[in-house]
Amino acid sequence: MLNGFKRWLWSGLLLFSVEGHAMWAKMTEAQLLEYSQLIITGEFLGESEIRDLTKIGTVNLGVIRVDKILKGKVEGTLVFLALPSGEQPKASSSINYSVGTKGLWYLRHRSEGDTIYLADHPQRFVDEAEASECIIRLQQQLTK
């Protein structure tokens, strides 16, 4: 009886000590194009926590300076990006962007008609070092 309990205890400890990792379903370029309302090249300038007047709590907003618009429309040169709140613990599925990060952004509306966007999948951002080939393929698809 004691050996069975020890085995059960060690199994439970092992189960809870294993670090979890987020899993993402791979998206094709066609899916990224279809499900992105705004596709731009730009630089992540930073983030700030602001009080959300429509809900109780705060919203963490990132800011991207737009260099080029490939799909969609933007008023001005800045785009706002909803990020995980600083009030809540970070989940393993949280995506973080560093200040100065440049590249290609496949953005989708946070909600219909909203001017705040989401880049909530790792494929929604392509670093500028790899972006040039993606941009060429994207422009070919957009002209079809």
C-alpha atoms as a PDB file:
ATOM      1  CA  MET A   1       0.000   0.000   0.000  1.00  0.00           C
ATOM      2  CA  LEU A   2       2.807   2.421   0.904  1.00  0.00           C
ATOM      3  CA  ASN A   3       4.686   1.704  -2.367  1.00  0.00           C
ATOM      4  CA  GLY A   4       1.535   2.463  -4.387  1.00  0.00           C
ATOM      5  CA  PHE A   5       1.089   5.766  -2.542  1.00  0.00           C
ATOM      6  CA  LYS A   6       4.756   6.726  -3.136  1.00  0.00           C
ATOM      7  CA  ARG A   7       4.416   5.938  -6.831  1.00  0.00           C
ATOM      8  CA  TRP A   8       1.224   8.019  -7.022  1.00  0.00           C
ATOM      9  CA  LEU A   9       2.903  10.904  -5.121  1.00  0.00           C
ATOM     10  CA  TRP A  10       5.990  10.919  -7.367  1.00  0.00           C
ATOM     11  CA  SER A  11       3.817  10.746 -10.489  1.00  0.00           C
ATOM     12  CA  GLY A  12       1.806  13.737  -9.273  1.00  0.00           C
ATOM     13  CA  LEU A  13       4.917  15.740  -8.441  1.00  0.00           C
ATOM     14  CA  LEU A  14       6.435  14.963 -11.822  1.00  0.00           C
ATOM     15  CA  LEU A  15       3.222  15.922 -13.603  1.00  0.00           C
ATOM     16  CA  PHE A  16       3.018  19.293 -11.868  1.00  0.00           C
ATOM     17  CA  SER A  17       6.720  20.081 -12.236  1.00  0.00           C
ATOM     18  CA  VAL A  18       6.789  19.711 -16.031  1.00  0.00           C
ATOM     19  CA  GLU A  19       6.893  23.100 -17.690  1.00  0.00           C
ATOM     20  CA  GLY A  20       4.044  23.721 -20.123  1.00  0.00           C
ATOM     21  CA  HIS A  21       4.506  25.185 -23.587  1.00  0.00           C
ATOM     22  CA  ALA A  22       1.937  26.875 -25.783  1.00  0.00           C
ATOM     23  CA  MET A  23       1.010  25.045 -28.953  1.00  0.00           C
ATOM     24  CA  TRP A  24      -0.001  26.909 -32.080  1.00  0.00           C
ATOM     25  CA  ALA A  25      -1.641  25.522 -35.201  1.00  0.00           C
ATOM     26  CA  LYS A  26       0.403  26.458 -38.266  1.00  0.00           C
ATOM     27  CA  MET A  27      -1.279  28.964 -40.579  1.00  0.00           C
ATOM     28  CA  THR A  28      -0.645  29.159 -44.312  1.00  0.00           C
ATOM     29  CA  GLU A  29       0.212  32.462 -45.962  1.00  0.00           C
ATOM     30  CA  ALA A  30      -3.216  32.352 -47.629  1.00  0.00           C
ATOM     31  CA  GLN A  31      -4.881  32.047 -44.197  1.00  0.00           C
ATOM     32  CA  LEU A  32      -2.774  34.879 -42.785  1.00  0.00           C
ATOM     33  CA  LEU A  33      -3.780  37.043 -45.737  1.00  0.00           C
ATOM     34  CA  GLU A  34      -7.475  36.144 -45.451  1.00  0.00           C
ATOM     35  CA  TYR A  35      -7.768  36.546 -41.671  1.00  0.00           C
ATOM     36  CA  SER A  36      -5.718  39.748 -41.361  1.00  0.00           C
ATOM     37  CA  GLN A  37      -7.544  43.043 -41.784  1.00  0.00           C
ATOM     38  CA  LEU A  38      -4.293  45.022 -41.737  1.00  0.00           C
ATOM     39  CA  ILE A  39      -0.888  43.955 -43.053  1.00  0.00           C
ATOM     40  CA  ILE A  40       1.965  46.404 -42.563  1.00  0.00           C
ATOM     41  CA  THR A  41       5.674  46.732 -42.168  1.00  0.00           C
ATOM     42  CA  GLY A  42       6.666  48.669 -39.110  1.00  0.00           C
ATOM     43  CA  GLU A  43       8.540  49.013 -35.840  1.00  0.00           C
ATOM     44  CA  PHE A  44       7.284  48.169 -32.360  1.00  0.00           C
ATOM     45  CA  LEU A  45       7.799  51.375 -30.353  1.00  0.00           C
ATOM     46  CA  GLY A  46       6.707  50.159 -26.928  1.00  0.00           C
ATOM     47  CA  GLU A  47       3.721  49.507 -24.697  1.00  0.00           C
ATOM     48  CA  SER A  48       1.779  51.197 -21.959  1.00  0.00           C
ATOM     49  CA  GLU A  49      -0.952  50.167 -19.571  1.00  0.00           C
ATOM     50  CA  ILE A  50      -4.095  52.293 -19.790  1.00  0.00           C
ATOM     51  CA  ARG A  51      -7.407  52.292 -17.938  1.00  0.00           C
ATOM     52  CA  ASP A  52     -10.142  50.674 -20.029  1.00  0.00           C
ATOM     53  CA  LEU A  53     -13.207  52.890 -19.641  1.00  0.00           C
ATOM     54  CA  THR A  54     -15.586  50.263 -21.029  1.00  0.00           C
ATOM     55  CA  LYS A  55     -14.515  47.580 -18.541  1.00  0.00           C
ATOM     56  CA  ILE A  56     -13.138  47.441 -15.047  1.00  0.00           C
ATOM     57  CA  GLY A  57      -9.367  47.099 -15.205  1.00  0.00           C
ATOM     58  CA  THR A  58      -6.588  48.061 -17.538  1.00  0.00           C
ATOM     59  CA  VAL A  59      -5.512  47.262 -21.071  1.00  0.00           C
ATOM     60  CA  ASN A  60      -1.926  46.934 -22.181  1.00  0.00           C
ATOM     61  CA  LEU A  61      -1.491  48.683 -25.537  1.00  0.00           C
ATOM     62  CA  GLY A  62       1.490  48.325 -27.817  1.00  0.00           C
ATOM     63  CA  VAL A  63       2.324  50.885 -30.489  1.00  0.00           C
ATOM     64  CA  ILE A  64       3.651  50.095 -33.959  1.00  0.00           C
ATOM     65  CA  ARG A  65       4.959  52.845 -36.238  1.00  0.00           C
ATOM     66  CA  VAL A  66       3.772  52.030 -39.764  1.00  0.00           C
ATOM     67  CA  ASP A  67       6.363  52.122 -42.528  1.00  0.00           C
ATOM     68  CA  LYS A  68       4.309  50.572 -45.340  1.00  0.00           C
ATOM     69  CA  ILE A  69       0.704  49.406 -45.689  1.00  0.00           C
ATOM     70  CA  LEU A  70       0.250  46.242 -47.747  1.00  0.00           C
ATOM     71  CA  LYS A  71      -3.404  45.544 -46.936  1.00  0.00           C
ATOM     72  CA  GLY A  72      -6.036  47.644 -45.185  1.00  0.00           C
ATOM     73  CA  LYS A  73      -6.156  51.301 -44.165  1.00  0.00           C
ATOM     74  CA  VAL A  74      -4.593  53.253 -41.322  1.00  0.00           C
ATOM     75  CA  GLU A  75      -5.384  56.750 -40.067  1.00  0.00           C
ATOM     76  CA  GLY A  76      -1.985  58.324 -39.402  1.00  0.00           C
ATOM     77  CA  THR A  77       1.282  56.467 -38.880  1.00  0.00           C
ATOM     78  CA  LEU A  78       0.607  54.537 -35.666  1.00  0.00           C
ATOM     79  CA  VAL A  79      -1.250  51.293 -35.003  1.00  0.00           C
ATOM     80  CA  PHE A  80      -2.356  50.132 -31.550  1.00  0.00           C
ATOM     81  CA  LEU A  81      -1.869  46.529 -30.552  1.00  0.00           C
ATOM     82  CA  ALA A  82      -3.709  44.820 -27.661  1.00  0.00           C
ATOM     83  CA  LEU A  83      -1.249  42.941 -25.464  1.00  0.00           C
ATOM     84  CA  PRO A  84      -1.691  40.765 -22.375  1.00  0.00           C
ATOM     85  CA  SER A  85      -2.513  42.838 -19.301  1.00  0.00           C
ATOM     86  CA  GLY A  86       0.262  43.519 -16.842  1.00  0.00           C
ATOM     87  CA  GLU A  87      -2.239  42.931 -14.004  1.00  0.00           C
ATOM     88  CA  GLN A  88      -2.519  39.228 -14.783  1.00  0.00           C
ATOM     89  CA  PRO A  89       0.184  36.553 -14.670  1.00  0.00           C
ATOM     90  CA  LYS A  90       1.821  35.894 -18.033  1.00  0.00           C
ATOM     91  CA  ALA A  91       0.569  32.740 -19.697  1.00  0.00           C
ATOM     92  CA  SER A  92       2.854  30.421 -21.636  1.00  0.00           C
ATOM     93  CA  SER A  93       0.861  31.428 -24.720  1.00  0.00           C
ATOM     94  CA  SER A  94       1.608  35.162 -24.270  1.00  0.00           C
ATOM     95  CA  ILE A  95       3.565  36.711 -27.105  1.00  0.00           C
ATOM     96  CA  ASN A  96       5.905  39.548 -26.162  1.00  0.00           C
ATOM     97  CA  TYR A  97       7.464  42.077 -28.516  1.00  0.00           C
ATOM     98  CA  SER A  98      10.642  44.031 -27.795  1.00  0.00           C
ATOM     99  CA  VAL A  99      11.011  47.765 -28.364  1.00  0.00           C
ATOM    100  CA  GLY A 100      12.677  48.344 -31.727  1.00  0.00           C
ATOM    101  CA  THR A 101      11.449  45.080 -33.268  1.00  0.00           C
ATOM    102  CA  LYS A 102      10.942  45.676 -37.001  1.00  0.00           C
ATOM    103  CA  GLY A 103       9.201  43.532 -39.544  1.00  0.00           C
ATOM    104  CA  LEU A 104       6.019  42.435 -41.259  1.00  0.00           C
ATOM    105  CA  TRP A 105       2.833  42.445 -39.152  1.00  0.00           C
ATOM    106  CA  TYR A 106      -0.320  40.447 -40.021  1.00  0.00           C
ATOM    107  CA  LEU A 107      -2.904  42.102 -37.761  1.00  0.00           C
ATOM    108  CA  ARG A 108      -6.534  41.352 -37.070  1.00  0.00           C
ATOM    109  CA  HIS A 109      -9.163  43.500 -35.374  1.00  0.00           C
ATOM    110  CA  ARG A 110      -9.612  42.918 -31.650  1.00  0.00           C
ATOM    111  CA  SER A 111     -13.349  43.213 -32.319  1.00  0.00           C
ATOM    112  CA  GLU A 112     -15.398  44.245 -35.356  1.00  0.00           C
ATOM    113  CA  GLY A 113     -14.818  47.898 -36.264  1.00  0.00           C
ATOM    114  CA  ASP A 114     -12.193  48.330 -33.534  1.00  0.00           C
ATOM    115  CA  THR A 115      -9.046  50.377 -34.200  1.00  0.00           C
ATOM    116  CA  ILE A 116      -7.058  48.173 -31.830  1.00  0.00           C
ATOM    117  CA  TYR A 117      -5.456  45.120 -33.409  1.00  0.00           C
ATOM    118  CA  LEU A 118      -4.147  41.729 -32.343  1.00  0.00           C
ATOM    119  CA  ALA A 119      -0.968  39.900 -33.312  1.00  0.00           C
ATOM    120  CA  ASP A 120      -1.962  36.877 -31.254  1.00  0.00           C
ATOM    121  CA  HIS A 121      -0.202  34.111 -33.167  1.00  0.00           C
ATOM    122  CA  PRO A 122       3.567  33.747 -33.643  1.00  0.00           C
ATOM    123  CA  GLN A 123       3.149  33.804 -37.438  1.00  0.00           C
ATOM    124  CA  ARG A 124       1.463  37.224 -37.302  1.00  0.00           C
ATOM    125  CA  PHE A 125       4.901  38.791 -37.022  1.00  0.00           C
ATOM    126  CA  VAL A 126       7.834  38.145 -39.379  1.00  0.00           C
ATOM    127  CA  ASP A 127      11.179  39.693 -38.432  1.00  0.00           C
ATOM    128  CA  GLU A 128      12.581  42.098 -41.010  1.00  0.00           C
ATOM    129  CA  ALA A 129      15.490  39.741 -41.748  1.00  0.00           C
ATOM    130  CA  GLU A 130      13.024  37.184 -43.205  1.00  0.00           C
ATOM    131  CA  ALA A 131      10.246  39.571 -44.275  1.00  0.00           C
ATOM    132  CA  SER A 132      11.435  40.527 -47.779  1.00  0.00           C
ATOM    133  CA  GLU A 133      10.535  37.150 -49.333  1.00  0.00           C
ATOM    134  CA  CYS A 134       7.160  37.149 -47.538  1.00  0.00           C
ATOM    135  CA  ILE A 135       6.423  40.668 -48.815  1.00  0.00           C
ATOM    136  CA  ILE A 136       7.156  39.668 -52.423  1.00  0.00           C
ATOM    137  CA  ARG A 137       4.840  36.624 -52.191  1.00  0.00           C
ATOM    138  CA  LEU A 138       2.201  38.697 -50.412  1.00  0.00           C
ATOM    139  CA  GLN A 139       2.243  41.420 -53.084  1.00  0.00           C
ATOM    140  CA  GLN A 140       1.886  38.735 -55.780  1.00  0.00           C
ATOM    141  CA  GLN A 141      -1.164  37.286 -53.993  1.00  0.00           C
ATOM    142  CA  LEU A 142      -2.724  40.740 -53.507  1.00  0.00           C
ATOM    143  CA  THR A 143      -2.444  41.586 -57.218  1.00  0.00           C
ATOM    144  CA  LYS A 144      -4.248  38.397 -58.322  1.00  0.00           C
END
